């Protein structure tokens, strides 16, 4: 029994700690998006997944919101 559990746990998906999302970013994330779906790219720009698609988090003018000075 324990061997079976050990084998099944090896197949588990890795967990990723959620990132801290600044208020100025959170304000532009759609209400129906789970905050665990929000992440940052290597340039510090925020994005989220919805279904199988990626979307950038844009401000009111349509510019992607990026904070390259905040460590991920």
Protein backbone atom coordinates (compact mmCIF):
# COMPACT_ATOMS: atom_id res chain seq x y z
CA UNK A 1 0.00 0.00 0.00
CA UNK A 2 2.75 2.47 0.92
CA UNK A 3 4.66 1.64 -2.24
CA UNK A 4 1.59 2.44 -4.33
CA UNK A 5 1.16 5.79 -2.59
CA UNK A 6 4.83 6.62 -3.12
CA UNK A 7 4.53 5.84 -6.83
CA UNK A 8 1.37 7.94 -7.18
CA UNK A 9 2.93 10.89 -5.39
CA UNK A 10 5.79 10.87 -7.90
CA UNK A 11 3.20 11.65 -10.60
CA UNK A 12 1.76 14.66 -8.80
CA UNK A 13 2.01 18.04 -10.49
CA UNK A 14 4.57 20.38 -8.96
CA UNK A 15 3.10 23.17 -6.90
CA UNK A 16 4.12 26.78 -7.43
CA UNK A 17 3.84 29.39 -4.74
CA UNK A 18 1.57 32.25 -5.80
CA UNK A 19 3.29 35.55 -6.47
CA UNK A 20 2.52 38.77 -4.63
CA UNK A 21 0.36 40.90 -6.90
CA UNK A 22 0.62 44.67 -6.38
CA UNK A 23 -2.67 46.59 -6.09
CA UNK A 24 -2.03 48.51 -9.32
CA UNK A 25 -1.87 45.17 -11.15
CA UNK A 26 -4.76 43.50 -9.32
CA UNK A 27 -7.03 46.40 -10.30
CA UNK A 28 -6.70 45.40 -13.97
CA UNK A 29 -7.19 41.64 -13.61
CA UNK A 30 -10.72 40.52 -14.56
CA UNK A 31 -12.83 39.55 -11.54
CA UNK A 32 -13.40 36.01 -12.81
CA UNK A 33 -9.67 35.23 -13.00
CA UNK A 34 -8.21 33.17 -10.16
CA UNK A 35 -5.22 35.09 -8.79
CA UNK A 36 -3.22 31.85 -8.82
CA UNK A 37 -3.34 32.12 -12.63
CA UNK A 38 -1.40 35.43 -12.58
CA UNK A 39 2.35 35.37 -13.10
CA UNK A 40 5.25 37.49 -14.40
CA UNK A 41 7.51 37.00 -17.38
CA UNK A 42 11.27 37.53 -17.39
CA UNK A 43 10.77 41.25 -18.15
CA UNK A 44 8.54 41.69 -15.09
CA UNK A 45 5.33 42.00 -17.11
CA UNK A 46 2.22 40.43 -15.63
CA UNK A 47 0.05 37.91 -17.44
CA UNK A 48 -2.67 35.41 -16.65
CA UNK A 49 -4.00 32.25 -18.17
CA UNK A 50 -7.61 31.74 -19.11
CA UNK A 51 -8.46 28.40 -20.65
CA UNK A 52 -5.52 27.56 -22.85
CA UNK A 53 -4.64 31.19 -23.64
CA UNK A 54 -2.26 33.72 -22.11
CA UNK A 55 -3.28 37.35 -21.67
CA UNK A 56 -1.16 40.30 -20.58
CA UNK A 57 -2.42 42.50 -17.77
CA UNK A 58 -2.85 45.92 -19.36
CA UNK A 59 -3.56 49.29 -17.79
CA UNK A 60 -6.44 51.56 -18.84
CA UNK A 61 -4.52 52.76 -21.90
CA UNK A 62 -3.82 49.18 -23.05
CA UNK A 63 -0.14 49.19 -22.06
CA UNK A 64 1.15 45.98 -20.42
CA UNK A 65 1.84 46.45 -16.72
CA UNK A 66 5.47 45.61 -15.94
CA UNK A 67 7.50 45.96 -12.77
CA UNK A 68 11.00 44.77 -13.73
CA UNK A 69 12.45 46.18 -10.50
CA UNK A 70 10.42 43.81 -8.27
CA UNK A 71 12.07 40.43 -7.84
CA UNK A 72 9.86 37.50 -8.85
